[in-house]
Amino acid sequence: MLKDQEVNLTAAAPALHRVLVGLGWQVPELDHGFPVDLDASAFLLNRDGRVRNDTDFIFYNNLESDGGGVKHLGDSTTGAADGDDEVIDIDLDTLSFDIEKISFSVTIHNAEERQQNFGFVKDAYIRVIDKDTNEELIRFDLTEDAAENNGFIFGELIREGIGWKFKAIGLGVTGGLYKIARDYSVNVAAP
């Protein structure tokens, strides 16, 4: 899959009800004397591209959405997993109809303080898996486009009528998780 490309997931898997969004990467053990700790997040967005409330921000400090339709399965602090480093489990049938898209980002924890950026990250990807069949529906491998950035918006699940599609975003961000969260109207304190 290429940047800005869209795939109709419902057409690819008509019985699609539950997906796993796997995010993976490889990082050096240490950089500037610190580990490079990446964090995956999901933002449940309304038609205005904003969260409805702060609990629509799913990340290492809020692992589950209201109602349990979106669950972050745990924080990897090393990027040393064999396969997906972090996974977000989504039951599409339980999502409120005012959630029109889910945006997925990966950011570097304490990036400014540690002077780290995505130039240290290799083999980053996002993939969507049909949870019921374990079939990989899409995979978007990221390039080094965001080498100077400390945050990355990987892609979006977008509601399309009664179905879903995935769009590869591949957008680098400076300002990390704080900046991305504020852009989606999450009420977060300044770092």
Protein backbone atom coordinates (compact mmCIF):
# COMPACT_ATOMS: atom_id res chain seq x y z
CA MET A 1 0.00 0.00 0.00
CA LEU A 2 1.22 3.52 -0.79
CA LYS A 3 0.83 6.85 1.01
CA ASP A 4 -2.65 8.38 0.44
CA GLN A 5 -3.95 5.10 -1.00
CA GLU A 6 -7.33 3.83 0.24
CA VAL A 7 -8.56 0.24 0.49
CA ASN A 8 -12.21 -0.69 0.95
CA LEU A 9 -11.97 -3.21 3.81
CA THR A 10 -15.64 -4.19 3.64
CA ALA A 11 -15.29 -5.13 -0.04
CA ALA A 12 -12.14 -7.15 0.74
CA ALA A 13 -13.81 -8.92 3.70
CA PRO A 14 -17.63 -8.62 3.55
CA ALA A 15 -18.09 -10.36 6.93
CA LEU A 16 -15.66 -7.97 8.66
CA HIS A 17 -16.69 -7.19 12.23
CA ARG A 18 -13.51 -7.09 14.29
CA VAL A 19 -10.01 -5.95 13.35
CA LEU A 20 -6.61 -5.86 14.92
CA VAL A 21 -4.42 -2.93 13.99
CA GLY A 22 -0.80 -3.99 14.42
CA LEU A 23 2.00 -1.45 14.52
CA GLY A 24 5.62 -2.47 14.36
CA TRP A 25 9.08 -0.98 14.20
CA GLN A 26 12.74 -1.61 14.91
CA VAL A 27 14.76 0.81 17.03
CA PRO A 28 18.30 0.86 18.37
CA GLU A 29 18.67 -0.32 21.96
CA LEU A 30 19.92 3.10 23.08
CA ASP A 31 20.25 6.52 21.52
CA HIS A 32 21.86 9.48 23.29
CA GLY A 33 22.06 7.12 26.30
CA PHE A 34 18.28 6.55 26.37
CA PRO A 35 16.05 3.77 25.01
CA VAL A 36 13.89 4.74 22.02
CA ASP A 37 10.36 4.08 23.30
CA LEU A 38 7.59 4.31 20.70
CA ASP A 39 3.92 4.51 21.62
CA ALA A 40 0.90 3.66 19.46
CA SER A 41 -2.32 5.60 19.95
CA ALA A 42 -5.82 5.67 18.46
CA PHE A 43 -8.16 8.65 18.23
CA LEU A 44 -11.90 8.04 17.75
CA LEU A 45 -13.05 11.00 15.66
CA ASN A 46 -16.41 12.53 14.75
CA ARG A 47 -17.29 14.11 11.40
CA ASP A 48 -15.38 17.27 12.40
CA GLY A 49 -12.16 15.25 12.83
CA ARG A 50 -12.21 15.72 16.61
CA VAL A 51 -12.63 13.41 19.59
CA ARG A 52 -16.08 13.58 21.21
CA ASN A 53 -14.44 13.56 24.65
CA ASP A 54 -11.01 12.80 26.14
CA THR A 55 -11.82 9.09 26.58
CA ASP A 56 -11.85 8.77 22.77
CA PHE A 57 -8.04 8.97 22.99
CA ILE A 58 -6.76 5.39 23.41
CA PHE A 59 -3.11 5.07 24.47
CA TYR A 60 -0.82 3.65 27.18
CA ASN A 61 -2.63 5.60 29.95
CA ASN A 62 -6.17 4.89 28.66
CA LEU A 63 -6.19 1.37 27.25
CA GLU A 64 -9.91 1.07 26.51
CA SER A 65 -12.63 3.26 25.01
CA ASP A 66 -15.97 3.83 26.72
CA GLY A 67 -18.00 0.69 25.98
CA GLY A 68 -14.86 -1.36 25.26
CA GLY A 69 -15.08 -1.27 21.45
CA VAL A 70 -11.45 -0.18 21.11
CA LYS A 71 -8.71 -1.71 23.27
CA HIS A 72 -4.98 -1.03 23.31
CA LEU A 73 -3.38 -4.39 24.14
CA GLY A 74 -0.34 -2.97 25.93
CA ASP A 75 2.68 -0.74 25.73
CA SER A 76 5.97 -2.05 24.30
CA THR A 77 8.86 0.06 25.53
CA THR A 78 11.59 -1.64 23.48
CA GLY A 79 10.35 -2.37 19.95
CA ALA A 80 11.89 -5.81 20.35
CA ALA A 81 8.76 -7.85 19.64
CA ASP A 82 8.82 -10.52 16.97
CA GLY A 83 6.10 -9.05 14.77
CA ASP A 84 3.71 -6.32 15.94
CA ASP A 85 5.09 -4.20 18.77
CA GLU A 86 1.73 -2.78 19.79
CA VAL A 87 -1.79 -3.87 18.81
CA ILE A 88 -5.15 -2.13 18.97
CA ASP A 89 -8.24 -4.38 18.99
CA ILE A 90 -11.40 -2.89 17.46
CA ASP A 91 -14.95 -4.28 17.43
CA LEU A 92 -16.39 -2.29 14.52
CA ASP A 93 -19.98 -3.31 15.33
CA THR A 94 -19.90 -1.68 18.78
CA LEU A 95 -18.65 1.73 17.65
CA SER A 96 -21.12 4.56 17.97
CA PHE A 97 -22.33 5.88 14.60
CA ASP A 98 -20.98 9.34 15.39
CA ILE A 99 -17.45 7.91 15.23
CA GLU A 100 -16.60 8.43 11.58
CA LYS A 101 -12.93 7.54 11.66
CA ILE A 102 -10.16 6.20 13.85
CA SER A 103 -6.73 7.74 13.39
CA PHE A 104 -3.60 5.79 14.39
CA SER A 105 -0.36 7.45 15.41
CA VAL A 106 3.03 6.42 16.73
CA THR A 107 5.12 8.84 18.76
CA ILE A 108 8.48 8.74 20.53
CA HIS A 109 8.13 8.98 24.31
CA ASN A 110 10.04 12.00 25.72
CA ALA A 111 11.46 12.70 22.26
CA GLU A 112 12.34 16.36 22.77
CA GLU A 113 14.04 15.74 26.10
CA ARG A 114 16.02 12.82 24.64
CA GLN A 115 16.64 14.49 21.26
CA GLN A 116 15.20 11.55 19.35
CA ASN A 117 13.29 11.41 16.07
CA PHE A 118 12.00 8.90 13.52
CA GLY A 119 15.40 8.88 11.83
CA PHE A 120 16.30 6.26 14.46
CA VAL A 121 13.31 4.06 13.57
CA LYS A 122 13.56 1.35 10.92
CA ASP A 123 11.05 -0.99 9.29
CA ALA A 124 7.96 0.82 10.64
CA TYR A 125 4.57 -0.43 9.46
CA ILE A 126 0.86 -0.57 10.18
CA ARG A 127 -1.34 -3.47 9.21
CA VAL A 128 -5.02 -4.34 9.55
CA ILE A 129 -5.97 -7.92 10.30
CA ASP A 130 -9.44 -9.50 10.21
CA LYS A 131 -9.57 -10.77 13.80
CA ASP A 132 -12.01 -13.57 12.97
CA THR A 133 -9.99 -15.07 10.10
CA ASN A 134 -6.51 -13.81 11.07
CA GLU A 135 -6.09 -12.60 7.45
CA GLU A 136 -3.93 -9.53 6.88
CA LEU A 137 -6.12 -7.15 4.86
CA ILE A 138 -3.63 -4.32 4.32
CA ARG A 139 -0.09 -3.37 5.20
CA PHE A 140 1.50 0.05 4.88
CA ASP A 141 5.28 0.13 5.26
CA LEU A 142 6.59 3.54 6.19
CA THR A 143 9.59 5.10 4.56
CA GLU A 144 12.04 7.54 6.07
CA ASP A 145 9.82 10.52 5.14
CA ALA A 146 9.50 11.66 8.76
CA ALA A 147 13.15 11.30 9.79
CA GLU A 148 13.19 14.72 11.47
CA ASN A 149 9.82 14.26 13.21
CA ASN A 150 9.00 12.70 16.58
CA GLY A 151 5.45 11.70 15.76
CA PHE A 152 3.81 9.96 12.85
CA ILE A 153 0.17 9.57 11.83
CA PHE A 154 0.22 6.12 10.21
CA GLY A 155 -3.31 5.76 8.86
CA GLU A 156 -7.05 5.94 9.39
CA LEU A 157 -10.01 3.57 9.49
CA ILE A 158 -12.86 5.52 7.89
CA ARG A 159 -16.56 4.69 8.09
CA GLU A 160 -18.10 4.50 4.62
CA GLY A 161 -21.86 3.96 4.87
CA ILE A 162 -22.21 0.69 6.78
CA GLY A 163 -18.68 -0.40 5.88
CA TRP A 164 -15.09 0.65 6.52
CA LYS A 165 -12.06 1.61 4.47
CA PHE A 166 -8.44 2.23 5.39
CA LYS A 167 -6.39 5.20 4.22
CA ALA A 168 -2.59 5.27 4.47
CA ILE A 169 -1.62 8.71 5.81
CA GLY A 170 2.14 8.64 6.49
CA LEU A 171 2.29 12.16 7.97
CA GLY A 172 5.26 13.19 10.10
CA VAL A 173 4.60 15.53 13.04
CA THR A 174 6.89 17.60 15.24
CA GLY A 175 5.61 18.01 18.79
CA GLY A 176 4.91 14.34 19.48
CA LEU A 177 1.84 12.93 21.14
CA TYR A 178 0.95 16.25 22.77
CA LYS A 179 0.70 17.98 19.37
CA ILE A 180 -1.32 15.18 17.76
CA ALA A 181 -3.70 14.94 20.74
CA ARG A 182 -4.25 18.73 20.76
CA ASP A 183 -4.89 18.71 17.00
CA TYR A 184 -7.70 16.16 17.61
CA SER A 185 -9.10 18.36 20.46
CA VAL A 186 -8.00 16.17 23.36
CA ASN A 187 -7.72 18.24 26.54
CA VAL A 188 -4.12 17.49 27.60
CA ALA A 189 -1.80 19.41 29.85
CA ALA A 190 1.30 20.95 28.30
CA PRO A 191 4.37 18.72 28.56
